[in-house]
Amino acid sequence: MKRRRQKAPRDPVISLINIVFLILIFFMVAGSLSSPPDPSIRFVQTEDLDCCVAPDAVAIDAAGELRRSGIPIDLKSLLNSRNSDTTPLRLLPDRDLPAAQLLELVKELRANGQTDIIIVTEDTTL
């Protein structure tokens, strides 16, 4: 008569380790999707907004200089690069940039066909 081999009971800790590993991978990927904003920019502050900094956002420092990914860019180059782009233009103004200067820039952008402009601010409730 043949003896039947008994299967060893499966350890439930292995399943838990697999789940934790998958969650770790998820958060590593989700956390690295966007690049940090230009460190020389101090954001205007608001409350209770749902917003994040897009990697293609254009920063405006206190002197009114435009920057994309930390590299200075002039208005003409910005408009040329967005010629056929239909996504909203995100502006990251410095807190010390005069509002009149920001509004003048927005007016000039609109005059050149950029109608979908988003001004990104910092949420102070975090």
N, C-alpha and C. Protein backbone atom coordinates (compact mmCIF):
# COMPACT_ATOMS: atom_id res chain seq x y z
N MET A 1 0.83 -1.16 0.00
CA MET A 1 0.00 0.00 0.00
C MET A 1 0.89 1.25 0.00
N LYS A 2 0.54 2.24 -0.86
CA LYS A 2 1.33 3.45 -0.96
C LYS A 2 0.93 4.44 0.10
N ARG A 3 1.93 5.12 0.59
CA ARG A 3 1.65 6.18 1.57
C ARG A 3 1.46 7.50 0.85
N ARG A 4 0.48 8.21 1.24
CA ARG A 4 0.24 9.52 0.63
C ARG A 4 1.08 10.57 1.36
N ARG A 5 1.71 11.41 0.53
CA ARG A 5 2.52 12.47 1.13
C ARG A 5 1.60 13.60 1.59
N GLN A 6 1.85 14.06 2.73
CA GLN A 6 1.08 15.20 3.23
C GLN A 6 1.74 16.49 2.76
N LYS A 7 0.91 17.40 2.26
CA LYS A 7 1.43 18.69 1.83
C LYS A 7 1.70 19.53 3.07
N ALA A 8 2.80 20.25 2.98
CA ALA A 8 3.14 21.15 4.09
C ALA A 8 2.20 22.36 4.05
N PRO A 9 1.70 22.78 5.17
CA PRO A 9 0.80 23.95 5.16
C PRO A 9 1.55 25.20 4.68
N ARG A 10 0.87 25.99 3.86
CA ARG A 10 1.49 27.18 3.31
C ARG A 10 1.55 28.26 4.38
N ASP A 11 2.69 28.92 4.42
CA ASP A 11 2.91 29.96 5.42
C ASP A 11 2.16 31.24 5.01
N PRO A 12 1.25 31.77 5.82
CA PRO A 12 0.48 32.97 5.45
C PRO A 12 1.33 34.25 5.41
N VAL A 13 2.51 34.21 5.98
CA VAL A 13 3.37 35.39 6.00
C VAL A 13 3.87 35.72 4.58
N ILE A 14 4.03 34.73 3.73
CA ILE A 14 4.49 34.94 2.35
C ILE A 14 3.51 35.84 1.60
N SER A 15 2.22 35.60 1.75
CA SER A 15 1.21 36.43 1.08
C SER A 15 1.28 37.87 1.57
N LEU A 16 1.47 38.06 2.85
CA LEU A 16 1.57 39.40 3.42
C LEU A 16 2.81 40.11 2.87
N ILE A 17 3.92 39.42 2.77
CA ILE A 17 5.15 40.00 2.24
C ILE A 17 4.95 40.41 0.78
N ASN A 18 4.27 39.60 0.00
CA ASN A 18 4.00 39.94 -1.40
C ASN A 18 3.16 41.20 -1.52
N ILE A 19 2.14 41.32 -0.70
CA ILE A 19 1.27 42.50 -0.74
C ILE A 19 2.05 43.75 -0.36
N VAL A 20 2.83 43.68 0.70
CA VAL A 20 3.63 44.83 1.14
C VAL A 20 4.63 45.22 0.05
N PHE A 21 5.23 44.27 -0.60
CA PHE A 21 6.19 44.54 -1.67
C PHE A 21 5.50 45.25 -2.83
N LEU A 22 4.31 44.80 -3.23
CA LEU A 22 3.58 45.45 -4.32
C LEU A 22 3.18 46.88 -3.96
N ILE A 23 2.77 47.10 -2.71
CA ILE A 23 2.43 48.45 -2.27
C ILE A 23 3.67 49.34 -2.29
N LEU A 24 4.80 48.83 -1.88
CA LEU A 24 6.06 49.57 -1.90
C LEU A 24 6.40 50.00 -3.33
N ILE A 25 6.29 49.09 -4.27
CA ILE A 25 6.58 49.40 -5.67
C ILE A 25 5.62 50.47 -6.18
N PHE A 26 4.33 50.35 -5.84
CA PHE A 26 3.34 51.32 -6.28
C PHE A 26 3.71 52.72 -5.80
N PHE A 27 4.04 52.87 -4.53
CA PHE A 27 4.36 54.20 -4.01
C PHE A 27 5.69 54.73 -4.53
N MET A 28 6.62 53.86 -4.84
CA MET A 28 7.88 54.33 -5.44
C MET A 28 7.63 54.90 -6.83
N VAL A 29 6.77 54.26 -7.60
CA VAL A 29 6.46 54.74 -8.95
C VAL A 29 5.60 56.00 -8.87
N ALA A 30 4.58 55.99 -8.04
CA ALA A 30 3.66 57.13 -7.95
C ALA A 30 4.36 58.37 -7.39
N GLY A 31 5.33 58.20 -6.54
CA GLY A 31 6.03 59.33 -5.94
C GLY A 31 7.04 59.97 -6.85
N SER A 32 7.41 59.34 -7.94
CA SER A 32 8.44 59.89 -8.80
C SER A 32 7.90 60.37 -10.14
N LEU A 33 6.60 60.64 -10.23
CA LEU A 33 6.01 61.05 -11.50
C LEU A 33 6.25 62.52 -11.83
N SER A 34 6.36 63.39 -10.85
CA SER A 34 6.55 64.81 -11.15
C SER A 34 7.87 65.30 -10.58
N SER A 35 8.45 66.26 -11.27
CA SER A 35 9.71 66.83 -10.81
C SER A 35 9.41 67.99 -9.86
N PRO A 36 10.33 68.30 -8.95
CA PRO A 36 10.09 69.40 -8.02
C PRO A 36 10.15 70.74 -8.75
N PRO A 37 9.46 71.76 -8.23
CA PRO A 37 9.51 73.07 -8.89
C PRO A 37 10.87 73.73 -8.72
N ASP A 38 11.08 74.80 -9.45
CA ASP A 38 12.33 75.56 -9.38
C ASP A 38 12.54 76.03 -7.94
N PRO A 39 13.68 75.70 -7.30
CA PRO A 39 13.88 76.03 -5.89
C PRO A 39 14.01 77.53 -5.60
N SER A 40 14.25 78.35 -6.63
CA SER A 40 14.39 79.78 -6.39
C SER A 40 13.05 80.50 -6.32
N ILE A 41 11.95 79.78 -6.57
CA ILE A 41 10.62 80.39 -6.59
C ILE A 41 9.93 80.19 -5.24
N ARG A 42 9.41 81.27 -4.67
CA ARG A 42 8.57 81.19 -3.47
C ARG A 42 7.14 81.44 -3.93
N PHE A 43 6.26 80.49 -3.75
CA PHE A 43 4.90 80.55 -4.28
C PHE A 43 4.02 81.56 -3.57
N VAL A 44 3.06 82.09 -4.32
CA VAL A 44 1.96 82.85 -3.74
C VAL A 44 1.16 81.84 -2.93
N GLN A 45 0.58 82.26 -1.81
CA GLN A 45 -0.10 81.29 -0.94
C GLN A 45 -1.62 81.47 -0.98
N THR A 46 -2.32 80.34 -1.02
CA THR A 46 -3.78 80.31 -0.96
C THR A 46 -4.19 79.18 -0.04
N GLU A 47 -5.49 78.96 0.10
CA GLU A 47 -5.96 77.88 0.96
C GLU A 47 -6.95 76.99 0.23
N ASP A 48 -6.96 75.70 0.59
CA ASP A 48 -7.93 74.71 0.11
C ASP A 48 -7.99 74.56 -1.40
N LEU A 49 -6.84 74.43 -2.04
CA LEU A 49 -6.81 74.20 -3.48
C LEU A 49 -6.30 72.80 -3.77
N ASP A 50 -6.83 72.17 -4.82
CA ASP A 50 -6.34 70.88 -5.29
C ASP A 50 -5.49 71.14 -6.52
N CYS A 51 -4.19 71.14 -6.35
CA CYS A 51 -3.31 71.46 -7.48
C CYS A 51 -1.95 70.81 -7.27
N CYS A 52 -1.29 70.58 -8.33
CA CYS A 52 0.07 70.07 -8.28
C CYS A 52 0.89 70.76 -9.35
N VAL A 53 2.18 70.73 -9.20
CA VAL A 53 3.06 71.40 -10.15
C VAL A 53 3.34 70.48 -11.32
N ALA A 54 2.98 70.94 -12.50
CA ALA A 54 3.25 70.16 -13.70
C ALA A 54 4.71 70.30 -14.10
N PRO A 55 5.30 69.27 -14.70
CA PRO A 55 6.72 69.35 -15.07
C PRO A 55 6.99 70.39 -16.15
N ASP A 56 6.00 70.77 -16.94
CA ASP A 56 6.21 71.76 -18.00
C ASP A 56 5.80 73.16 -17.58
N ALA A 57 5.60 73.39 -16.28
CA ALA A 57 5.18 74.70 -15.79
C ALA A 57 6.28 75.73 -16.00
N VAL A 58 5.87 76.98 -16.18
CA VAL A 58 6.81 78.08 -16.39
C VAL A 58 6.85 78.92 -15.11
N ALA A 59 8.03 79.00 -14.50
CA ALA A 59 8.22 79.78 -13.28
C ALA A 59 8.56 81.22 -13.65
N ILE A 60 8.10 82.16 -12.82
CA ILE A 60 8.40 83.58 -13.00
C ILE A 60 9.01 84.06 -11.70
N ASP A 61 10.29 84.48 -11.73
CA ASP A 61 10.93 84.91 -10.50
C ASP A 61 10.51 86.34 -10.14
N ALA A 62 11.02 86.85 -9.02
CA ALA A 62 10.61 88.16 -8.52
C ALA A 62 10.97 89.28 -9.49
N ALA A 63 11.97 89.08 -10.33
CA ALA A 63 12.37 90.10 -11.31
C ALA A 63 11.56 90.01 -12.60
N GLY A 64 10.71 88.99 -12.72
CA GLY A 64 9.88 88.84 -13.92
C GLY A 64 10.51 87.96 -14.98
N GLU A 65 11.61 87.28 -14.66
CA GLU A 65 12.28 86.40 -15.63
C GLU A 65 11.56 85.05 -15.68
N LEU A 66 11.30 84.58 -16.90
CA LEU A 66 10.63 83.29 -17.09
C LEU A 66 11.65 82.17 -17.05
N ARG A 67 11.26 81.03 -16.44
CA ARG A 67 12.14 79.86 -16.35
C ARG A 67 11.31 78.61 -16.59
N ARG A 68 11.89 77.68 -17.34
CA ARG A 68 11.27 76.37 -17.53
C ARG A 68 12.32 75.35 -17.12
N SER A 69 12.00 74.53 -16.12
CA SER A 69 12.92 73.53 -15.55
C SER A 69 14.21 74.18 -15.06
N GLY A 70 14.10 75.41 -14.54
CA GLY A 70 15.25 76.12 -13.99
C GLY A 70 16.08 76.86 -15.02
N ILE A 71 15.76 76.73 -16.30
CA ILE A 71 16.53 77.37 -17.37
C ILE A 71 15.78 78.62 -17.83
N PRO A 72 16.45 79.78 -17.88
CA PRO A 72 15.78 81.00 -18.34
C PRO A 72 15.27 80.85 -19.78
N ILE A 73 14.09 81.40 -20.03
CA ILE A 73 13.47 81.34 -21.34
C ILE A 73 12.79 82.69 -21.59
N ASP A 74 12.87 83.19 -22.82
CA ASP A 74 12.20 84.44 -23.12
C ASP A 74 10.78 84.17 -23.63
N LEU A 75 9.98 85.22 -23.66
CA LEU A 75 8.56 85.07 -24.00
C LEU A 75 8.38 84.55 -25.43
N LYS A 76 9.20 85.01 -26.35
CA LYS A 76 9.09 84.57 -27.74
C LYS A 76 9.35 83.07 -27.86
N SER A 77 10.37 82.57 -27.18
CA SER A 77 10.67 81.14 -27.20
C SER A 77 9.54 80.33 -26.57
N LEU A 78 8.97 80.87 -25.50
CA LEU A 78 7.85 80.19 -24.85
C LEU A 78 6.67 80.07 -25.80
N LEU A 79 6.35 81.16 -26.47
CA LEU A 79 5.22 81.14 -27.40
C LEU A 79 5.49 80.21 -28.58
N ASN A 80 6.73 80.19 -29.08
CA ASN A 80 7.07 79.30 -30.19
C ASN A 80 6.97 77.84 -29.78
N SER A 81 7.39 77.52 -28.56
CA SER A 81 7.36 76.13 -28.10
C SER A 81 5.93 75.65 -27.85
N ARG A 82 5.01 76.58 -27.61
CA ARG A 82 3.62 76.22 -27.33
C ARG A 82 2.72 76.47 -28.53
N ASN A 83 3.30 76.64 -29.70
CA ASN A 83 2.54 76.98 -30.90
C ASN A 83 1.36 76.05 -31.14
N SER A 84 1.58 74.74 -31.11
CA SER A 84 0.50 73.78 -31.39
C SER A 84 0.06 73.04 -30.13
N ASP A 85 0.54 73.44 -28.99
CA ASP A 85 0.20 72.77 -27.73
C ASP A 85 -1.16 73.26 -27.24
N THR A 86 -2.07 72.33 -26.95
CA THR A 86 -3.41 72.71 -26.51
C THR A 86 -3.60 72.55 -25.00
N THR A 87 -2.57 72.07 -24.30
CA THR A 87 -2.69 71.92 -22.85
C THR A 87 -2.61 73.30 -22.19
N PRO A 88 -3.19 73.44 -21.00
CA PRO A 88 -3.13 74.74 -20.32
C PRO A 88 -1.69 75.13 -19.99
N LEU A 89 -1.39 76.41 -20.07
CA LEU A 89 -0.08 76.94 -19.69
C LEU A 89 -0.12 77.22 -18.19
N ARG A 90 0.76 76.57 -17.44
CA ARG A 90 0.80 76.75 -15.99
C ARG A 90 1.91 77.73 -15.65
N LEU A 91 1.56 78.80 -14.93
CA LEU A 91 2.52 79.80 -14.51
C LEU A 91 2.73 79.68 -13.00
N LEU A 92 4.00 79.71 -12.57
CA LEU A 92 4.36 79.63 -11.16
C LEU A 92 4.99 80.97 -10.75
N PRO A 93 4.19 81.95 -10.36
CA PRO A 93 4.76 83.26 -10.02
C PRO A 93 5.40 83.26 -8.64
N ASP A 94 6.49 83.99 -8.53
CA ASP A 94 7.14 84.21 -7.24
C ASP A 94 6.24 85.11 -6.39
N ARG A 95 6.26 84.93 -5.10
CA ARG A 95 5.43 85.72 -4.19
C ARG A 95 5.76 87.21 -4.28
N ASP A 96 7.03 87.52 -4.56
CA ASP A 96 7.47 88.92 -4.61
C ASP A 96 7.30 89.57 -5.97
N LEU A 97 6.78 88.84 -6.95
CA LEU A 97 6.51 89.41 -8.27
C LEU A 97 5.31 90.35 -8.16
N PRO A 98 5.45 91.61 -8.60
CA PRO A 98 4.30 92.52 -8.53
C PRO A 98 3.12 92.00 -9.35
N ALA A 99 1.93 92.11 -8.79
CA ALA A 99 0.73 91.61 -9.47
C ALA A 99 0.53 92.29 -10.81
N ALA A 100 0.85 93.57 -10.89
CA ALA A 100 0.68 94.30 -12.16
C ALA A 100 1.56 93.68 -13.25
N GLN A 101 2.76 93.26 -12.88
CA GLN A 101 3.66 92.64 -13.84
C GLN A 101 3.14 91.27 -14.28
N LEU A 102 2.58 90.51 -13.35
CA LEU A 102 1.99 89.21 -13.68
C LEU A 102 0.79 89.39 -14.61
N LEU A 103 -0.06 90.34 -14.31
CA LEU A 103 -1.24 90.59 -15.14
C LEU A 103 -0.84 91.07 -16.54
N GLU A 104 0.23 91.86 -16.62
CA GLU A 104 0.72 92.31 -17.92
C GLU A 104 1.22 91.14 -18.75
N LEU A 105 1.92 90.20 -18.10
CA LEU A 105 2.39 89.00 -18.80
C LEU A 105 1.22 88.15 -19.29
N VAL A 106 0.21 87.97 -18.44
CA VAL A 106 -0.97 87.19 -18.83
C VAL A 106 -1.68 87.87 -20.00
N LYS A 107 -1.77 89.19 -19.95
CA LYS A 107 -2.40 89.94 -21.04
C LYS A 107 -1.64 89.72 -22.35
N GLU A 108 -0.32 89.75 -22.28
CA GLU A 108 0.51 89.54 -23.47
C GLU A 108 0.38 88.11 -24.00
N LEU A 109 0.31 87.14 -23.08
CA LEU A 109 0.13 85.75 -23.50
C LEU A 109 -1.21 85.57 -24.19
N ARG A 110 -2.25 86.16 -23.64
CA ARG A 110 -3.58 86.05 -24.25
C ARG A 110 -3.62 86.72 -25.61
N ALA A 111 -2.93 87.84 -25.75
CA ALA A 111 -2.89 88.53 -27.04
C ALA A 111 -2.20 87.68 -28.11
N ASN A 112 -1.33 86.76 -27.66
CA ASN A 112 -0.61 85.89 -28.59
C ASN A 112 -1.24 84.50 -28.70
N GLY A 113 -2.50 84.36 -28.29
CA GLY A 113 -3.23 83.12 -28.52
C GLY A 113 -3.25 82.13 -27.38
N GLN A 114 -2.63 82.41 -26.25
CA GLN A 114 -2.65 81.51 -25.10
C GLN A 114 -3.86 81.84 -24.24
N THR A 115 -4.97 81.17 -24.47
CA THR A 115 -6.20 81.50 -23.75
C THR A 115 -6.40 80.66 -22.49
N ASP A 116 -5.75 79.51 -22.41
CA ASP A 116 -5.92 78.61 -21.27
C ASP A 116 -4.69 78.71 -20.37
N ILE A 117 -4.74 79.62 -19.40
CA ILE A 117 -3.60 79.90 -18.52
C ILE A 117 -4.01 79.62 -17.07
N ILE A 118 -3.19 78.85 -16.37
CA ILE A 118 -3.43 78.52 -14.96
C ILE A 118 -2.29 79.11 -14.13
N ILE A 119 -2.64 79.86 -13.09
CA ILE A 119 -1.63 80.40 -12.18
C ILE A 119 -1.59 79.50 -10.96
N VAL A 120 -0.44 78.87 -10.72
CA VAL A 120 -0.27 77.91 -9.63
C VAL A 120 0.20 78.64 -8.38
N THR A 121 -0.43 78.33 -7.25
CA THR A 121 -0.07 78.92 -5.97
C THR A 121 0.21 77.82 -4.95
N GLU A 122 0.68 78.20 -3.79
CA GLU A 122 1.00 77.24 -2.74
C GLU A 122 -0.16 77.15 -1.76
N ASP A 123 -0.55 75.95 -1.39
CA ASP A 123 -1.63 75.74 -0.43
C ASP A 123 -1.04 75.82 0.98
N THR A 124 -1.47 76.77 1.79
CA THR A 124 -0.91 76.95 3.12
C THR A 124 -1.55 76.08 4.18
N THR A 125 -2.57 75.29 3.82
CA THR A 125 -3.24 74.47 4.82
C THR A 125 -2.54 73.14 5.04
N LEU A 126 -1.47 72.85 4.29
CA LEU A 126 -0.80 71.56 4.45
C LEU A 126 0.06 71.51 5.68
